[in-house]
Amino acid sequence: MSKTIELNNGLLIPRVGYGTFRVPEGADLAAAVKTAIKEGYRLIDTAAIYENEASVGQGIREAIAEGLVTREELFITSKAWNDGISYEETLQAYDDALARMELDYLDLYLLHWPGTKNDFIPQWEALEKIYADKRVKSIGVSNFHVHHLEKLLKETTIVPAVNQIELNPLQTQKQVHAFCIEKGIQIEAWSPLMNAEILEHATLKTIASKYGKTTAQIILRWQTQTDIVTIPKSMTSSRIAENIAIFDFDLDGEDILLIEALNEDGHYGPDPEGFDFGR
């Protein structure tokens, strides 16, 4: 299996990335980003609201300076927060992200949340402008449900390359996933390990024992094997390495079905239908 997936604009995105949600700014994060790159991660994910873009950028620049990777080999993602909902504010938000990270461009820039007022069209039009000007390699959304996507597709021009959503064995979001497949939008999973809360699940531990892998590796392999991009987070070097060491085995069809049968259709993070912070 290839370690990348082709997006709807022809850009290749790694199947596994390094997430930085809830990691504070500082030298530890910069070091962790550099460790992730050493271990083979090429997708690094951050967001304005994480307030850690500067440290993420520092880790990236240090890795490049040390010859671990070139900028062109990396796939860097950030997200516009809900407080910049106007067209001009969103254009400025992108410039601010680049300035904080000290980078010339991003590979993917996302709208972080749709908001309850469905007033995201000006934000998306700003992303379309940035993309048309070739200042970003691809654009997408995060936490969009089907009706949000339907509105976006009806009222704007560019189909999102990615929809980054909360997705794990207990929340598979099948309706959103199916719609995105139909429209050529790549699903990307945030919090795939549910902040480690799911790692002791009995069914997953049984499957992990069968393959001689950790529970985290089983979850991440399930996602990558079913063409879901995934961005696990860890600040522990051994787990950073473990989370990307998932390309040397295949889950059989029966085990994939067992994992997907765990779905409870809940939200363990904020539900996009009611999440409106910053607006």
Protein backbone atom coordinates (compact mmCIF):
# COMPACT_ATOMS: atom_id res chain seq x y z
CA MET A 1 0.00 0.00 0.00
CA SER A 2 1.29 3.43 -0.90
CA LYS A 3 2.04 5.71 2.07
CA THR A 4 0.26 8.58 0.29
CA ILE A 5 -3.19 9.25 -1.16
CA GLU A 6 -3.93 11.49 -4.15
CA LEU A 7 -6.23 14.41 -3.41
CA ASN A 8 -8.81 15.73 -5.87
CA ASN A 9 -6.32 18.31 -7.18
CA GLY A 10 -3.57 15.74 -7.78
CA LEU A 11 -1.56 16.58 -4.65
CA LEU A 12 -0.30 13.62 -2.61
CA ILE A 13 -1.06 13.59 1.11
CA PRO A 14 0.63 11.16 3.53
CA ARG A 15 -1.69 8.58 5.08
CA VAL A 16 -0.22 9.17 8.55
CA GLY A 17 0.62 12.57 10.00
CA TYR A 18 1.75 14.08 13.27
CA GLY A 19 -0.94 15.94 15.22
CA THR A 20 -0.23 18.75 17.68
CA PHE A 21 -3.62 19.46 19.29
CA ARG A 22 -3.37 20.42 22.98
CA VAL A 23 0.42 20.67 22.88
CA PRO A 24 1.60 24.05 24.20
CA GLU A 25 4.10 26.30 22.50
CA GLY A 26 7.70 25.63 23.47
CA ALA A 27 10.96 23.82 22.87
CA ASP A 28 9.44 20.43 23.72
CA LEU A 29 7.01 20.68 20.83
CA ALA A 30 9.69 21.85 18.40
CA ALA A 31 11.80 18.85 19.43
CA ALA A 32 8.83 16.48 19.07
CA VAL A 33 8.10 17.75 15.55
CA LYS A 34 11.74 17.16 14.64
CA THR A 35 11.57 13.67 16.17
CA ALA A 36 8.46 12.91 14.13
CA ILE A 37 10.22 13.97 10.94
CA LYS A 38 13.21 11.77 11.85
CA GLU A 39 10.83 8.84 12.27
CA GLY A 40 9.40 9.36 8.80
CA TYR A 41 6.38 11.63 9.28
CA ARG A 42 5.94 14.05 6.42
CA LEU A 43 2.50 15.43 7.33
CA ILE A 44 2.49 17.88 10.26
CA ASP A 45 -0.85 19.30 11.45
CA THR A 46 -1.47 22.41 13.54
CA ALA A 47 -4.05 25.24 13.82
CA ALA A 48 -4.26 28.86 14.87
CA ILE A 49 -6.32 28.01 17.95
CA TYR A 50 -3.68 25.53 19.17
CA GLU A 51 -1.43 28.55 19.74
CA ASN A 52 1.61 26.48 18.84
CA GLU A 53 2.26 27.30 15.19
CA ALA A 54 5.55 29.04 16.03
CA SER A 55 7.00 25.95 17.71
CA VAL A 56 5.72 23.68 14.95
CA GLY A 57 7.42 25.95 12.43
CA GLN A 58 10.60 25.96 14.47
CA GLY A 59 10.74 22.16 14.52
CA ILE A 60 10.15 22.05 10.78
CA ARG A 61 12.85 24.62 10.04
CA GLU A 62 15.36 22.86 12.30
CA ALA A 63 14.68 19.53 10.59
CA ILE A 64 15.24 21.14 7.20
CA ALA A 65 18.41 22.91 8.37
CA GLU A 66 19.81 19.62 9.66
CA GLY A 67 19.17 17.91 6.34
CA LEU A 68 16.54 15.52 7.65
CA VAL A 69 14.06 16.55 4.97
CA THR A 70 13.40 19.21 2.36
CA ARG A 71 10.45 21.58 2.56
CA GLU A 72 9.08 20.05 -0.64
CA GLU A 73 8.93 16.62 1.02
CA LEU A 74 6.72 17.91 3.83
CA PHE A 75 2.95 18.40 3.92
CA ILE A 76 2.14 21.17 6.41
CA THR A 77 -1.44 21.90 7.49
CA SER A 78 -2.96 24.70 9.56
CA LYS A 79 -6.49 25.97 10.11
CA ALA A 80 -8.34 29.29 10.26
CA TRP A 81 -10.14 29.80 13.57
CA ASN A 82 -13.76 30.87 13.95
CA ASP A 83 -13.03 34.47 14.91
CA GLY A 84 -11.88 35.37 11.39
CA ILE A 85 -15.17 34.88 9.57
CA SER A 86 -14.97 37.73 7.08
CA TYR A 87 -13.21 37.45 3.74
CA GLU A 88 -10.48 39.94 4.64
CA GLU A 89 -9.99 38.51 8.13
CA THR A 90 -9.47 35.05 6.67
CA LEU A 91 -6.91 36.31 4.15
CA GLN A 92 -5.08 37.94 7.06
CA ALA A 93 -5.35 34.76 9.15
CA TYR A 94 -3.43 32.86 6.47
CA ASP A 95 -0.71 35.51 6.35
CA ASP A 96 -0.51 35.41 10.15
CA ALA A 97 -0.13 31.62 10.13
CA LEU A 98 2.74 31.82 7.65
CA ALA A 99 4.39 34.53 9.73
CA ARG A 100 4.13 32.54 12.95
CA MET A 101 5.52 29.42 11.29
CA GLU A 102 8.10 31.38 9.25
CA LEU A 103 7.11 29.46 6.12
CA ASP A 104 6.47 30.65 2.58
CA TYR A 105 3.40 28.47 1.99
CA LEU A 106 1.24 25.71 3.45
CA ASP A 107 0.30 22.47 1.73
CA LEU A 108 -3.23 22.52 3.19
CA TYR A 109 -5.27 25.25 4.85
CA LEU A 110 -8.60 24.39 6.46
CA LEU A 111 -11.67 26.13 7.83
CA HIS A 112 -11.62 24.78 11.38
CA TRP A 113 -15.38 24.70 12.19
CA PRO A 114 -18.56 25.49 10.25
CA GLY A 115 -20.27 27.29 13.15
CA THR A 116 -23.97 27.14 13.95
CA LYS A 117 -24.90 30.08 11.73
CA ASN A 118 -23.54 28.44 8.58
CA ASP A 119 -21.79 31.73 7.75
CA PHE A 120 -18.61 30.14 6.45
CA ILE A 121 -18.96 31.09 2.77
CA PRO A 122 -16.85 34.30 3.01
CA GLN A 123 -14.12 32.30 4.73
CA TRP A 124 -14.17 29.69 1.99
CA GLU A 125 -14.09 32.33 -0.74
CA ALA A 126 -10.94 33.72 0.91
CA LEU A 127 -9.38 30.26 0.80
CA GLU A 128 -10.34 29.99 -2.87
CA LYS A 129 -8.51 33.30 -3.47
CA ILE A 130 -5.38 32.08 -1.68
CA TYR A 131 -5.50 28.87 -3.72
CA ALA A 132 -6.09 30.69 -7.02
CA ASP A 133 -3.08 32.88 -6.25
CA LYS A 134 -0.99 29.69 -5.77
CA ARG A 135 -0.09 30.66 -2.21
CA VAL A 136 -1.35 27.35 -0.79
CA LYS A 137 -1.18 23.89 -2.34
CA SER A 138 -4.69 22.78 -1.33
CA ILE A 139 -7.68 23.92 0.73
CA GLY A 140 -10.27 22.09 2.77
CA VAL A 141 -12.56 22.07 5.77
CA SER A 142 -12.73 20.52 9.21
CA ASN A 143 -15.69 19.23 11.21
CA PHE A 144 -18.17 19.71 8.36
CA HIS A 145 -21.29 17.55 8.31
CA VAL A 146 -23.15 16.66 5.13
CA HIS A 147 -25.45 19.70 5.16
CA HIS A 148 -22.46 22.01 5.63
CA LEU A 149 -20.75 20.43 2.64
CA GLU A 150 -23.91 20.61 0.55
CA LYS A 151 -24.16 24.35 1.21
CA LEU A 152 -20.48 24.85 0.42
CA LEU A 153 -20.65 22.91 -2.84
CA LYS A 154 -23.80 24.72 -3.93
CA GLU A 155 -22.57 28.26 -3.26
CA THR A 156 -18.85 28.14 -4.09
CA THR A 157 -16.51 26.95 -6.83
CA ILE A 158 -13.77 24.71 -5.47
CA VAL A 159 -14.52 21.31 -3.95
CA PRO A 160 -12.59 20.90 -0.67
CA ALA A 161 -9.62 18.58 -0.96
CA VAL A 162 -10.01 17.38 2.65
CA ASN A 163 -12.60 17.21 5.42
CA GLN A 164 -10.80 16.66 8.73
CA ILE A 165 -13.25 15.16 11.22
CA GLU A 166 -13.30 13.38 14.56
CA LEU A 167 -13.06 9.72 13.58
CA ASN A 168 -12.20 6.64 15.61
CA PRO A 169 -13.64 3.13 16.11
CA LEU A 170 -16.43 4.47 18.33
CA GLN A 171 -17.30 7.27 15.93
CA THR A 172 -16.93 6.31 12.29
CA GLN A 173 -19.14 9.08 10.83
CA LYS A 174 -20.25 6.81 8.00
CA GLN A 175 -22.73 9.29 6.51
CA VAL A 176 -20.15 12.06 6.25
CA HIS A 177 -17.52 9.60 5.02
CA ALA A 178 -19.79 8.23 2.28
CA PHE A 179 -20.73 11.73 1.12
CA CYS A 180 -17.09 12.76 0.94
CA ILE A 181 -16.18 9.67 -1.09
CA GLU A 182 -19.00 10.52 -3.52
CA LYS A 183 -17.75 14.11 -3.90
CA GLY A 184 -14.04 13.30 -4.04
CA ILE A 185 -13.23 14.84 -0.65
CA GLN A 186 -10.54 13.07 1.37
CA ILE A 187 -11.43 12.20 4.97
CA GLU A 188 -8.78 12.91 7.59
CA ALA A 189 -9.21 11.71 11.18
CA TRP A 190 -8.43 13.86 14.18
CA SER A 191 -8.21 12.29 17.65
CA PRO A 192 -8.04 8.79 16.13
CA LEU A 193 -6.98 7.32 19.49
CA MET A 194 -9.49 9.33 21.56
CA ASN A 195 -6.73 10.81 23.69
CA ALA A 196 -5.70 7.21 24.55
CA GLU A 197 -9.09 6.51 26.14
CA ILE A 198 -9.86 3.74 23.65
CA LEU A 199 -6.59 1.86 23.95
CA GLU A 200 -7.88 -0.55 26.61
CA HIS A 201 -10.99 -1.56 24.63
CA ALA A 202 -11.29 -5.34 24.90
CA THR A 203 -12.10 -6.02 21.23
CA LEU A 204 -9.23 -3.87 20.02
CA LYS A 205 -6.81 -5.48 22.48
CA THR A 206 -7.83 -8.93 21.22
CA ILE A 207 -7.20 -7.91 17.62
CA ALA A 208 -3.88 -6.33 18.60
CA SER A 209 -2.79 -9.57 20.26
CA LYS A 210 -3.61 -11.51 17.09
CA TYR A 211 -1.22 -9.38 15.01
CA GLY A 212 1.43 -8.81 17.66
CA LYS A 213 0.80 -5.05 17.51
CA THR A 214 -0.31 -2.36 19.94
CA THR A 215 -3.93 -1.25 20.11
CA ALA A 216 -2.92 2.15 18.73
CA GLN A 217 -1.25 0.50 15.74
CA ILE A 218 -4.40 -1.53 15.03
CA ILE A 219 -6.58 1.59 15.04
CA LEU A 220 -4.22 3.55 12.83
CA ARG A 221 -3.78 0.63 10.45
CA TRP A 222 -7.56 0.26 10.18
CA GLN A 223 -7.80 3.89 9.17
CA THR A 224 -4.95 3.92 6.69
CA GLN A 225 -6.04 0.61 5.17
CA THR A 226 -9.53 2.03 4.55
CA ASP A 227 -8.09 5.18 2.88
CA ILE A 228 -8.54 7.50 5.86
CA VAL A 229 -5.68 9.91 6.53
CA THR A 230 -4.92 9.96 10.25
CA ILE A 231 -3.01 12.37 12.53
CA PRO A 232 -2.25 10.78 15.93
CA LYS A 233 -0.57 12.91 18.57
CA SER A 234 2.10 11.95 21.08
CA MET A 235 4.94 13.72 22.84
CA THR A 236 6.67 10.43 23.71
CA SER A 237 9.43 9.47 21.28
CA SER A 238 8.71 5.76 21.43
CA ARG A 239 5.02 6.28 20.67
CA ILE A 240 5.77 8.76 17.91
CA ALA A 241 7.80 5.96 16.30
CA GLU A 242 5.17 3.33 17.07
CA ASN A 243 2.32 5.28 15.51
CA ILE A 244 3.91 5.35 12.07
CA ALA A 245 5.23 1.77 12.14
CA ILE A 246 2.01 0.36 10.65
CA PHE A 247 2.89 -0.41 7.05
CA ASP A 248 4.28 -3.92 7.61
CA PHE A 249 0.97 -5.77 8.10
CA ASP A 250 -2.60 -5.90 6.82
CA LEU A 251 -5.80 -6.36 8.80
CA ASP A 252 -8.06 -9.02 7.36
CA GLY A 253 -11.60 -8.14 6.33
CA GLU A 254 -13.17 -9.79 9.37
CA ASP A 255 -11.17 -7.67 11.78
CA ILE A 256 -11.99 -4.49 9.88
CA LEU A 257 -15.67 -5.33 10.26
CA LEU A 258 -15.18 -6.03 13.99
CA ILE A 259 -13.60 -2.61 14.44
CA GLU A 260 -16.29 -0.81 12.49
CA ALA A 261 -19.01 -2.62 14.48
CA LEU A 262 -17.81 -0.73 17.57
CA ASN A 263 -19.31 2.50 16.20
CA GLU A 264 -21.59 4.33 18.66
CA ASP A 265 -22.21 7.47 16.53
CA GLY A 266 -21.38 9.79 19.40
CA HIS A 267 -19.13 12.83 19.67
CA TYR A 268 -16.32 12.74 22.20
CA GLY A 269 -15.08 16.15 21.15
CA PRO A 270 -17.40 19.08 20.36
CA ASP A 271 -20.40 18.36 18.16
CA PRO A 272 -20.18 20.63 15.08
CA GLU A 273 -23.95 21.19 15.24
CA GLY A 274 -23.59 23.11 18.50
CA PHE A 275 -20.02 24.36 18.51
CA ASP A 276 -19.85 28.13 18.02
CA PHE A 277 -16.92 29.40 20.06
CA GLY A 278 -15.31 32.46 18.54
CA ARG A 279 -18.39 33.51 16.61
